[in-house]
Structure formats: C-alpha cells, structure tokens
Amino acid sequence: MTETANKISEIFEQYLDYYSVQVRRKETVHGMRSIISSLNLYLKKSNIVLFKISIEQVDNFLALHNKNYATATCRVNRSYLREFLKYFYRNGYIKKNLAPLVKSPPEFARSKPPKFLRPKEVEKLFSSLDLCVPKDIRTYATMHLAYYLGLRPKEISMITLNDISFRQKEIFIQTRKNCSPAHLPLPDDTIKAITAYIVGGRPKSKHRTLFLQLVPPYKPVNINNDVTYHIRDCMRKNNLSATTYWLRHSYAQNLLESGASIYAIKEMMGHKTIESTRRYLSIHINLMREIILDETL
C-alpha cells in the first residue's frame, strides 16, 4: 500500500512539474496544486485507488471540494481537474479519458440574479459608523470603494497610496479578475472618505498599502478577509443578512439605472466575460417590478 501511495504522490509531483512549465503563472500553478492535493487527500481517506478512479468518484470529490466555493471558482476547479485527468489518460495511467465527463452539476442558484442593497439600506450602513473611531473610518472608506466603484474586497485591500491621484480624481486598480488594469474615476465623497482615513485613521507606517491593520506593527490588511470581515460586521450590526459583494452588485445596478451599456458595465466591473455582466440585467428588471408594485400599493 505504501509503495502504491508513493507512486501516486510521484505522479502528482511529476504532473505539477509538467504543468508549471506549461503555464508558468504562479497563481494558476498554486490553484492546480491546491486541487491536486485535495484530490490526493480524498483518495487516501476514501481508500480509492487513483488508477481505478471512476467519474462518479470524481464527481463526488468535486461536490465535496467545491461546496463552499462561489460558482466561478467551482468552474476553475473543474477546469484544473480536467487538465489533470487528460494528462493522466494520455500517459496511460487510466484506460478511459474522464476529462470530457467532468461537467457542471445542475445549479438552481445560477438562474437567480445577484443580490443588492436598496438605497435606504446603504444609507443606514454608512450612517451607522462612528467617524471618530479609526476602525470605523477605515470601514467607511472601504465601503465607499465597494459601493461607488464596485471593487472586490481583494482589489480594495491591494490598493496602494501610489495608486491614488487626488489631483486627477482617479484610482488605478492594478490587479483585476479580467487581468486588465484600470483607471477609475473617484467620486468626491469617496475622495473625502479616503482622505479622512489617511488623516484620521491610518497609522504611520513605511508600508505603501492604503489600508493597514489596526494593531502594531500595522501591516497591510489581509487580502483574503480583513475588508470582508469588517464590512460584514457593520451589516450584522444593522440587521442586514448580506455580504460585502452586495455593495458591488448595487454598484452594477446603479450603472444600469444610469443607462450605461452592458459593455461599459463589463469594463467598470472588471468582468472576464460578458455573460457575468448579463446576470445583472435580471436585477434591473426585478427591481423595476418591485418599485412599480410598491408605488401602486
């Protein structure tokens, strides 16, 4: 059994070496390593022999691995696994090519539009923050960037002081999901929120990252959870069962209401595909229906 396990680990490492040469992007290689490691762990726990793996077992692994991920991430994970299974088949480890059989499961949530906040709820969030407290000043600024620019939490956390031009009233977002850096206009109120944070909430630090942690040694905020956590905390305190992304979705809704084209919204949102942007059209239709009903009642 140990010999077989060693052989499997060797195959995984050989594939990762091959994949890293083919791709050469650290983030992509890291993603592939993550899912391959999870697959290896799943096989060990389930006593499944890799060389005899079935599509049903692959589906079961993906269902377990993807259960807490967003739809887009699940799609990427399936793509990673297809690449590995294709390699596995080409090199004669299995008799059947399972890669084409790895498909997206039916997802009822896919037909649902992104959720958003109504103007009164947004106003309630902003007004609930104490702008004499550094933590709230920082949260206030991050919420401005999420709601008025539609930025993702990760994009917000990676902004540096060098990315902001107060004179030109714009901000440079270097890392976007669509791999296209963007210069975005900064509304006056957002400039004021950022300025208030820099003057009254940001600790003195050698770091150029805009948003810093609240305790010494005042490192840059964690790109994975700090921004999300504090905005969600504000939402919970206001009895809103929402996520940070609802602010971003609300920004898209506002663009639709202003008459922006779907292609302009795609660029402003930093979407990879137009299909991602089209989901917001159903928000607009549903909102119009609700407003008509409210006014009628």
Foldseek 3Di string as FASTA:
>chain_A
DVVQLVVLVVLLVVVLVVVCVVPVDPVLSVLLNVLSVLVSVLCVVVVHRPLPDDLVSVVVSLCVVCVPPDPVSSVSSLVSVLVSLQVCVVVPSYPDRCSVVSDDDDDPCVLPFDAADDPVLLVVLLVVFDLQALLSLLLNLLLCCCQQQLDDLLQLLQFFQVQDDPVQQWGWRCDFPLNDIDIGHHDPVSVVSLVSNVVRHQDDDPDRGSAFDRDPPTHRDDSPPPNFVSSVVSCVVVVHPDGSSNSSLNNLLVCVVVPHDLVVSCVSNRPNDSVVSVSSVVVNVVVVVVVVVVVVD
